[in-house]
């Protein structure tokens, strides 16, 4: 019996809709990353993008457990001396909750061109409306 490998042009992609209302950030990110990688399919192949498109709505209503709103700090650096900037999770949730979810999911994907291609299939929106209703996304609870 030969092992079957998925080929790029044979993959059937579906659309899934996740509602982030009252969802814990890390748990939501793991489920989204699983669908983006295609690990929920029987044809999963690690070196081929077998994943589906994922739409996340209500990103501004995502939850963090414990004291993470005050204690968790996101850092970024401009590359210049003294160019480090720090923002707390609470500030980031108020200013750009979409980026917060994108960063959490990116931390769970491969750090190569395959992972970047997977991340492009993730669409995150602050409110309940999204422009992908024509694709008829399947709602995941």
N, C-alpha and C. Protein backbone atom coordinates (compact mmCIF):
# COMPACT_ATOMS: atom_id res chain seq x y z
N UNK A 1 0.85 -1.18 0.00
CA UNK A 1 0.00 0.00 0.00
C UNK A 1 0.89 1.23 0.00
N UNK A 2 0.63 2.15 -0.91
CA UNK A 2 1.46 3.35 -1.03
C UNK A 2 0.86 4.50 -0.24
N UNK A 3 1.74 5.34 0.26
CA UNK A 3 1.30 6.53 0.99
C UNK A 3 0.80 7.58 0.01
N UNK A 4 -0.34 8.17 0.30
CA UNK A 4 -0.91 9.20 -0.56
C UNK A 4 -0.47 10.57 -0.06
N UNK A 5 0.05 11.40 -0.94
CA UNK A 5 0.43 12.76 -0.61
C UNK A 5 -0.50 13.72 -1.33
N UNK A 6 -0.91 14.76 -0.62
CA UNK A 6 -1.79 15.76 -1.22
C UNK A 6 -1.01 16.60 -2.22
N UNK A 7 -1.65 16.93 -3.32
CA UNK A 7 -1.03 17.80 -4.32
C UNK A 7 -1.74 19.15 -4.28
N UNK A 8 -1.01 20.19 -4.57
CA UNK A 8 -1.51 21.55 -4.43
C UNK A 8 -2.79 21.80 -5.24
N UNK A 9 -2.85 21.25 -6.45
CA UNK A 9 -4.01 21.52 -7.32
C UNK A 9 -5.19 20.60 -7.04
N UNK A 10 -5.04 19.59 -6.18
CA UNK A 10 -6.13 18.66 -5.90
C UNK A 10 -6.88 18.99 -4.61
N UNK A 11 -6.48 20.06 -3.92
CA UNK A 11 -7.05 20.37 -2.61
C UNK A 11 -8.33 21.17 -2.78
N UNK A 12 -9.36 20.71 -2.08
CA UNK A 12 -10.64 21.43 -2.08
C UNK A 12 -10.69 22.31 -0.83
N UNK A 13 -10.81 23.62 -1.03
CA UNK A 13 -10.79 24.56 0.08
C UNK A 13 -12.22 24.99 0.43
N UNK A 14 -12.50 25.00 1.73
CA UNK A 14 -13.79 25.46 2.23
C UNK A 14 -13.58 26.73 3.04
N UNK A 15 -14.67 27.38 3.39
CA UNK A 15 -14.64 28.58 4.22
C UNK A 15 -15.31 28.28 5.55
N UNK A 16 -14.67 28.72 6.63
CA UNK A 16 -15.21 28.52 7.98
C UNK A 16 -15.32 29.86 8.68
N UNK A 17 -16.33 29.99 9.52
CA UNK A 17 -16.58 31.22 10.27
C UNK A 17 -16.50 30.92 11.76
N UNK A 18 -15.61 31.65 12.45
CA UNK A 18 -15.47 31.54 13.90
C UNK A 18 -15.97 32.83 14.52
N UNK A 19 -16.76 32.71 15.58
CA UNK A 19 -17.21 33.88 16.34
C UNK A 19 -16.36 33.97 17.59
N UNK A 20 -15.62 35.08 17.74
CA UNK A 20 -14.70 35.24 18.86
C UNK A 20 -15.37 35.80 20.10
N UNK A 21 -16.69 35.97 20.07
CA UNK A 21 -17.40 36.51 21.24
C UNK A 21 -17.22 35.56 22.42
N UNK A 22 -16.67 36.07 23.52
CA UNK A 22 -16.43 35.34 24.76
C UNK A 22 -15.53 34.11 24.58
N UNK A 23 -14.74 34.07 23.53
CA UNK A 23 -13.79 32.97 23.33
C UNK A 23 -12.44 33.36 23.93
N UNK A 24 -11.75 32.40 24.53
CA UNK A 24 -10.43 32.63 25.09
C UNK A 24 -9.45 32.71 23.93
N UNK A 25 -8.58 33.71 23.94
CA UNK A 25 -7.70 34.01 22.80
C UNK A 25 -6.87 32.80 22.37
N UNK A 26 -6.18 32.15 23.29
CA UNK A 26 -5.31 31.03 22.93
C UNK A 26 -6.06 29.84 22.39
N UNK A 27 -7.20 29.54 22.99
CA UNK A 27 -8.00 28.39 22.54
C UNK A 27 -8.59 28.65 21.16
N UNK A 28 -9.01 29.89 20.92
CA UNK A 28 -9.52 30.26 19.60
C UNK A 28 -8.39 30.15 18.57
N UNK A 29 -7.21 30.64 18.93
CA UNK A 29 -6.08 30.63 18.00
C UNK A 29 -5.66 29.22 17.62
N UNK A 30 -5.70 28.28 18.56
CA UNK A 30 -5.32 26.90 18.23
C UNK A 30 -6.32 26.27 17.27
N UNK A 31 -7.60 26.53 17.48
CA UNK A 31 -8.61 25.97 16.57
C UNK A 31 -8.49 26.57 15.19
N UNK A 32 -8.26 27.89 15.13
CA UNK A 32 -8.10 28.56 13.83
C UNK A 32 -6.86 28.04 13.12
N UNK A 33 -5.75 27.89 13.84
CA UNK A 33 -4.51 27.40 13.24
C UNK A 33 -4.68 25.98 12.71
N UNK A 34 -5.46 25.16 13.40
CA UNK A 34 -5.72 23.80 12.94
C UNK A 34 -6.43 23.80 11.59
N UNK A 35 -7.42 24.66 11.44
CA UNK A 35 -8.16 24.74 10.17
C UNK A 35 -7.30 25.37 9.07
N UNK A 36 -6.46 26.34 9.42
CA UNK A 36 -5.59 26.97 8.42
C UNK A 36 -4.55 25.98 7.89
N UNK A 37 -4.02 25.14 8.77
CA UNK A 37 -3.02 24.14 8.36
C UNK A 37 -3.65 22.97 7.63
N UNK A 38 -4.93 22.69 7.90
CA UNK A 38 -5.60 21.56 7.27
C UNK A 38 -5.47 20.29 8.08
N UNK A 39 -5.13 20.40 9.36
CA UNK A 39 -4.96 19.21 10.19
C UNK A 39 -6.28 18.54 10.53
N UNK A 40 -7.39 19.18 10.21
CA UNK A 40 -8.70 18.57 10.44
C UNK A 40 -9.12 17.69 9.26
N UNK A 41 -8.30 17.61 8.23
CA UNK A 41 -8.62 16.82 7.03
C UNK A 41 -7.84 15.51 7.03
N UNK A 42 -8.35 14.55 6.30
CA UNK A 42 -7.65 13.27 6.18
C UNK A 42 -6.49 13.34 5.21
N UNK A 43 -6.46 14.36 4.34
CA UNK A 43 -5.39 14.48 3.35
C UNK A 43 -4.27 15.41 3.83
N UNK A 44 -4.18 15.66 5.14
CA UNK A 44 -3.16 16.57 5.66
C UNK A 44 -1.77 16.08 5.29
N UNK A 45 -1.00 17.00 4.72
CA UNK A 45 0.40 16.76 4.41
C UNK A 45 1.19 17.95 4.96
N UNK A 46 2.22 17.71 5.77
CA UNK A 46 2.90 18.83 6.44
C UNK A 46 3.57 19.82 5.50
N UNK A 47 4.02 19.37 4.32
CA UNK A 47 4.75 20.27 3.43
C UNK A 47 3.89 20.85 2.31
N UNK A 48 2.56 20.68 2.40
CA UNK A 48 1.63 21.25 1.41
C UNK A 48 0.56 22.01 2.17
N UNK A 49 0.17 23.14 1.61
CA UNK A 49 -0.89 23.94 2.23
C UNK A 49 -2.24 23.31 1.92
N UNK A 50 -2.72 22.46 2.83
CA UNK A 50 -3.99 21.77 2.63
C UNK A 50 -5.13 22.44 3.39
N UNK A 51 -4.87 23.60 3.98
CA UNK A 51 -5.83 24.25 4.85
C UNK A 51 -6.94 24.97 4.12
N UNK A 52 -7.87 25.48 4.92
CA UNK A 52 -9.04 26.17 4.42
C UNK A 52 -8.98 27.65 4.78
N UNK A 53 -9.93 28.41 4.24
CA UNK A 53 -10.05 29.82 4.57
C UNK A 53 -10.83 29.95 5.88
N UNK A 54 -10.40 30.88 6.73
CA UNK A 54 -11.04 31.08 8.02
C UNK A 54 -11.38 32.55 8.19
N UNK A 55 -12.61 32.83 8.60
CA UNK A 55 -13.07 34.19 8.90
C UNK A 55 -13.38 34.24 10.39
N UNK A 56 -12.80 35.22 11.09
CA UNK A 56 -13.06 35.42 12.51
C UNK A 56 -13.77 36.75 12.68
N UNK A 57 -14.95 36.73 13.31
CA UNK A 57 -15.70 37.96 13.56
C UNK A 57 -15.76 38.23 15.06
N UNK A 58 -16.14 39.44 15.42
CA UNK A 58 -16.22 39.90 16.81
C UNK A 58 -14.87 39.79 17.52
N UNK A 59 -13.81 40.21 16.84
CA UNK A 59 -12.47 40.12 17.42
C UNK A 59 -12.33 41.00 18.65
N UNK A 60 -13.11 42.06 18.74
CA UNK A 60 -13.00 42.97 19.88
C UNK A 60 -13.62 42.39 21.15
N UNK A 61 -14.32 41.24 21.06
CA UNK A 61 -14.96 40.65 22.22
C UNK A 61 -14.25 39.39 22.71
N UNK A 62 -13.00 39.20 22.28
CA UNK A 62 -12.21 38.05 22.71
C UNK A 62 -11.79 38.24 24.17
N UNK A 63 -11.64 37.14 24.89
CA UNK A 63 -11.31 37.19 26.32
C UNK A 63 -9.89 36.70 26.55
N UNK A 64 -9.30 37.19 27.64
CA UNK A 64 -8.03 36.67 28.14
C UNK A 64 -8.25 36.23 29.58
N UNK A 65 -7.64 35.12 29.96
CA UNK A 65 -7.85 34.60 31.30
C UNK A 65 -6.86 35.20 32.29
N UNK A 66 -7.21 35.13 33.55
CA UNK A 66 -6.31 35.59 34.61
C UNK A 66 -6.09 37.09 34.55
N UNK A 67 -4.87 37.51 34.86
CA UNK A 67 -4.50 38.93 34.84
C UNK A 67 -3.80 39.33 33.55
N UNK A 68 -4.01 38.57 32.47
CA UNK A 68 -3.27 38.83 31.25
C UNK A 68 -3.57 40.20 30.64
N UNK A 69 -4.75 40.75 30.85
CA UNK A 69 -5.05 42.07 30.29
C UNK A 69 -4.06 43.11 30.79
N UNK A 70 -3.67 43.03 32.07
CA UNK A 70 -2.74 44.01 32.63
C UNK A 70 -1.29 43.52 32.55
N UNK A 71 -1.05 42.21 32.67
CA UNK A 71 0.31 41.69 32.79
C UNK A 71 0.97 41.37 31.45
N UNK A 72 0.21 40.92 30.47
CA UNK A 72 0.80 40.53 29.18
C UNK A 72 1.23 41.77 28.42
N UNK A 73 2.48 41.75 27.94
CA UNK A 73 3.06 42.90 27.24
C UNK A 73 3.52 42.46 25.86
N UNK A 74 3.16 43.23 24.85
CA UNK A 74 3.60 43.00 23.48
C UNK A 74 4.71 43.99 23.16
N UNK A 75 5.85 43.48 22.67
CA UNK A 75 6.99 44.33 22.36
C UNK A 75 7.18 44.38 20.85
N UNK A 76 7.67 45.53 20.39
CA UNK A 76 8.11 45.66 19.00
C UNK A 76 9.31 46.59 19.00
N UNK A 77 10.17 46.42 18.01
CA UNK A 77 11.41 47.20 17.97
C UNK A 77 11.58 47.78 16.57
N UNK A 78 11.95 49.05 16.51
CA UNK A 78 12.11 49.73 15.23
C UNK A 78 13.43 49.39 14.55
N UNK A 79 14.38 48.87 15.32
CA UNK A 79 15.70 48.59 14.77
C UNK A 79 16.73 49.63 15.16
N UNK A 80 16.27 50.75 15.68
CA UNK A 80 17.18 51.80 16.15
C UNK A 80 17.47 51.61 17.63
N UNK A 81 18.55 52.23 18.09
CA UNK A 81 18.91 52.15 19.50
C UNK A 81 17.81 52.82 20.32
N UNK A 82 17.34 52.13 21.34
CA UNK A 82 16.27 52.66 22.18
C UNK A 82 14.92 52.67 21.50
N UNK A 83 14.77 51.91 20.43
CA UNK A 83 13.54 51.93 19.64
C UNK A 83 12.54 50.87 20.04
N UNK A 84 12.61 50.37 21.27
CA UNK A 84 11.66 49.34 21.69
C UNK A 84 10.39 49.99 22.21
N UNK A 85 9.26 49.43 21.81
CA UNK A 85 7.95 49.93 22.25
C UNK A 85 7.22 48.78 22.92
N UNK A 86 6.49 49.08 23.96
CA UNK A 86 5.75 48.05 24.69
C UNK A 86 4.31 48.51 24.86
N UNK A 87 3.37 47.59 24.62
CA UNK A 87 1.96 47.85 24.85
C UNK A 87 1.37 46.67 25.61
N UNK A 88 0.46 46.95 26.52
CA UNK A 88 -0.20 45.88 27.26
C UNK A 88 -1.30 45.26 26.41
N UNK A 89 -1.77 44.11 26.83
CA UNK A 89 -2.84 43.43 26.10
C UNK A 89 -4.12 44.25 26.11
N UNK A 90 -4.37 44.98 27.19
CA UNK A 90 -5.58 45.81 27.27
C UNK A 90 -5.54 46.93 26.23
N UNK A 91 -4.38 47.61 26.12
CA UNK A 91 -4.24 48.67 25.12
C UNK A 91 -4.38 48.10 23.72
N UNK A 92 -3.78 46.95 23.48
CA UNK A 92 -3.81 46.36 22.15
C UNK A 92 -5.21 45.87 21.79
N UNK A 93 -5.94 45.36 22.78
CA UNK A 93 -7.31 44.91 22.54
C UNK A 93 -8.21 46.08 22.19
N UNK A 94 -7.96 47.24 22.80
CA UNK A 94 -8.77 48.43 22.48
C UNK A 94 -8.40 49.02 21.13
N UNK A 95 -7.11 49.02 20.78
CA UNK A 95 -6.69 49.68 19.55
C UNK A 95 -6.78 48.77 18.32
N UNK A 96 -6.28 47.53 18.42
CA UNK A 96 -6.28 46.65 17.25
C UNK A 96 -6.46 45.19 17.65
N UNK A 97 -7.70 44.78 17.94
CA UNK A 97 -7.93 43.39 18.32
C UNK A 97 -7.68 42.41 17.17
N UNK A 98 -7.79 42.88 15.93
CA UNK A 98 -7.53 42.01 14.79
C UNK A 98 -6.07 41.57 14.79
N UNK A 99 -5.17 42.51 15.06
CA UNK A 99 -3.74 42.20 15.09
C UNK A 99 -3.41 41.24 16.23
N UNK A 100 -4.13 41.35 17.33
CA UNK A 100 -3.89 40.48 18.47
C UNK A 100 -4.20 39.02 18.10
N UNK A 101 -5.29 38.80 17.41
CA UNK A 101 -5.65 37.45 16.98
C UNK A 101 -4.68 36.95 15.92
N UNK A 102 -4.31 37.83 14.98
CA UNK A 102 -3.35 37.44 13.95
C UNK A 102 -2.02 37.02 14.56
N UNK A 103 -1.54 37.75 15.55
CA UNK A 103 -0.28 37.40 16.21
C UNK A 103 -0.38 36.08 16.94
N UNK A 104 -1.51 35.83 17.60
CA UNK A 104 -1.68 34.58 18.34
C UNK A 104 -1.70 33.39 17.38
N UNK A 105 -2.36 33.55 16.23
CA UNK A 105 -2.41 32.45 15.25
C UNK A 105 -1.06 32.28 14.58
N UNK A 106 -0.37 33.38 14.27
CA UNK A 106 0.94 33.30 13.63
C UNK A 106 1.94 32.56 14.51
N UNK A 107 1.79 32.67 15.82
CA UNK A 107 2.67 31.95 16.73
C UNK A 107 2.49 30.44 16.67
N UNK A 108 1.40 29.98 16.06
CA UNK A 108 1.10 28.55 16.00
C UNK A 108 1.27 27.97 14.59
N UNK A 109 1.76 28.78 13.66
CA UNK A 109 1.97 28.32 12.29
C UNK A 109 3.47 28.19 12.02
N UNK A 110 3.84 27.45 10.97
CA UNK A 110 5.26 27.34 10.62
C UNK A 110 5.82 28.70 10.23
N UNK A 111 7.08 28.95 10.58
CA UNK A 111 7.72 30.24 10.28
C UNK A 111 8.51 30.14 8.98
N UNK A 112 7.81 29.94 7.88
CA UNK A 112 8.43 29.88 6.56
C UNK A 112 7.41 30.35 5.53
N UNK A 113 7.71 30.20 4.26
CA UNK A 113 6.79 30.72 3.24
C UNK A 113 5.47 29.95 3.23
N UNK A 114 5.49 28.70 3.67
CA UNK A 114 4.25 27.94 3.78
C UNK A 114 3.34 28.54 4.87
N UNK A 115 3.93 28.91 6.01
CA UNK A 115 3.17 29.54 7.08
C UNK A 115 2.63 30.90 6.68
N UNK A 116 3.40 31.66 5.92
CA UNK A 116 2.93 32.97 5.45
C UNK A 116 1.77 32.82 4.49
N UNK A 117 1.81 31.78 3.66
CA UNK A 117 0.69 31.51 2.74
C UNK A 117 -0.56 31.11 3.52
N UNK A 118 -0.37 30.36 4.60
CA UNK A 118 -1.51 29.95 5.43
C UNK A 118 -2.13 31.16 6.11
N UNK A 119 -1.29 32.08 6.59
CA UNK A 119 -1.80 33.25 7.31
C UNK A 119 -2.60 34.17 6.39
N UNK A 120 -2.32 34.15 5.09
CA UNK A 120 -3.07 34.98 4.15
C UNK A 120 -4.51 34.50 3.99
N UNK A 121 -4.79 33.27 4.39
CA UNK A 121 -6.15 32.74 4.29
C UNK A 121 -6.98 33.05 5.52
N UNK A 122 -6.40 33.78 6.48
CA UNK A 122 -7.11 34.17 7.69
C UNK A 122 -7.63 35.59 7.53
N UNK A 123 -8.92 35.79 7.74
CA UNK A 123 -9.57 37.10 7.67
C UNK A 123 -10.18 37.40 9.03
N UNK A 124 -9.76 38.49 9.66
CA UNK A 124 -10.23 38.83 11.01
C UNK A 124 -10.94 40.17 10.94
N UNK A 125 -12.12 40.26 11.57
CA UNK A 125 -12.91 41.49 11.58
C UNK A 125 -13.33 41.83 12.99
N UNK A 126 -13.33 43.12 13.28
CA UNK A 126 -13.64 43.62 14.61
C UNK A 126 -15.10 43.38 14.99
N UNK A 127 -16.01 43.63 14.09
CA UNK A 127 -17.44 43.51 14.39
C UNK A 127 -18.04 42.23 13.83
N UNK A 128 -19.37 42.12 13.86
CA UNK A 128 -20.03 40.90 13.40
C UNK A 128 -20.18 40.81 11.87
N UNK A 129 -19.97 41.90 11.14
CA UNK A 129 -20.14 41.87 9.69
C UNK A 129 -18.82 41.51 9.01
N UNK A 130 -18.94 40.79 7.89
CA UNK A 130 -17.77 40.46 7.08
C UNK A 130 -18.19 40.40 5.61
N UNK A 131 -17.27 40.68 4.67
CA UNK A 131 -17.63 40.71 3.25
C UNK A 131 -17.54 39.35 2.54
N UNK A 132 -17.49 38.25 3.29
CA UNK A 132 -17.29 36.94 2.68
C UNK A 132 -18.55 36.07 2.73
N UNK A 133 -19.72 36.69 2.78
CA UNK A 133 -20.95 35.91 2.85
C UNK A 133 -21.24 35.17 1.53
N UNK A 134 -20.69 35.64 0.42
CA UNK A 134 -20.90 34.98 -0.87
C UNK A 134 -20.25 33.60 -0.91
N UNK A 135 -19.20 33.40 -0.09
CA UNK A 135 -18.53 32.09 -0.04
C UNK A 135 -19.27 31.09 0.84
N UNK A 136 -20.33 31.52 1.51
CA UNK A 136 -21.15 30.68 2.39
C UNK A 136 -20.27 29.93 3.40
N UNK A 137 -19.62 30.66 4.32
CA UNK A 137 -18.76 29.98 5.29
C UNK A 137 -19.57 29.14 6.28
N UNK A 138 -19.00 27.99 6.62
CA UNK A 138 -19.62 27.10 7.60
C UNK A 138 -19.30 27.61 8.99
N UNK A 139 -20.31 27.75 9.84
CA UNK A 139 -20.13 28.32 11.17
C UNK A 139 -19.61 27.23 12.12
N UNK A 140 -18.52 27.54 12.80
CA UNK A 140 -17.92 26.64 13.78
C UNK A 140 -18.17 27.20 15.16
N UNK A 141 -18.71 26.38 16.06
CA UNK A 141 -19.00 26.83 17.42
C UNK A 141 -17.78 26.71 18.30
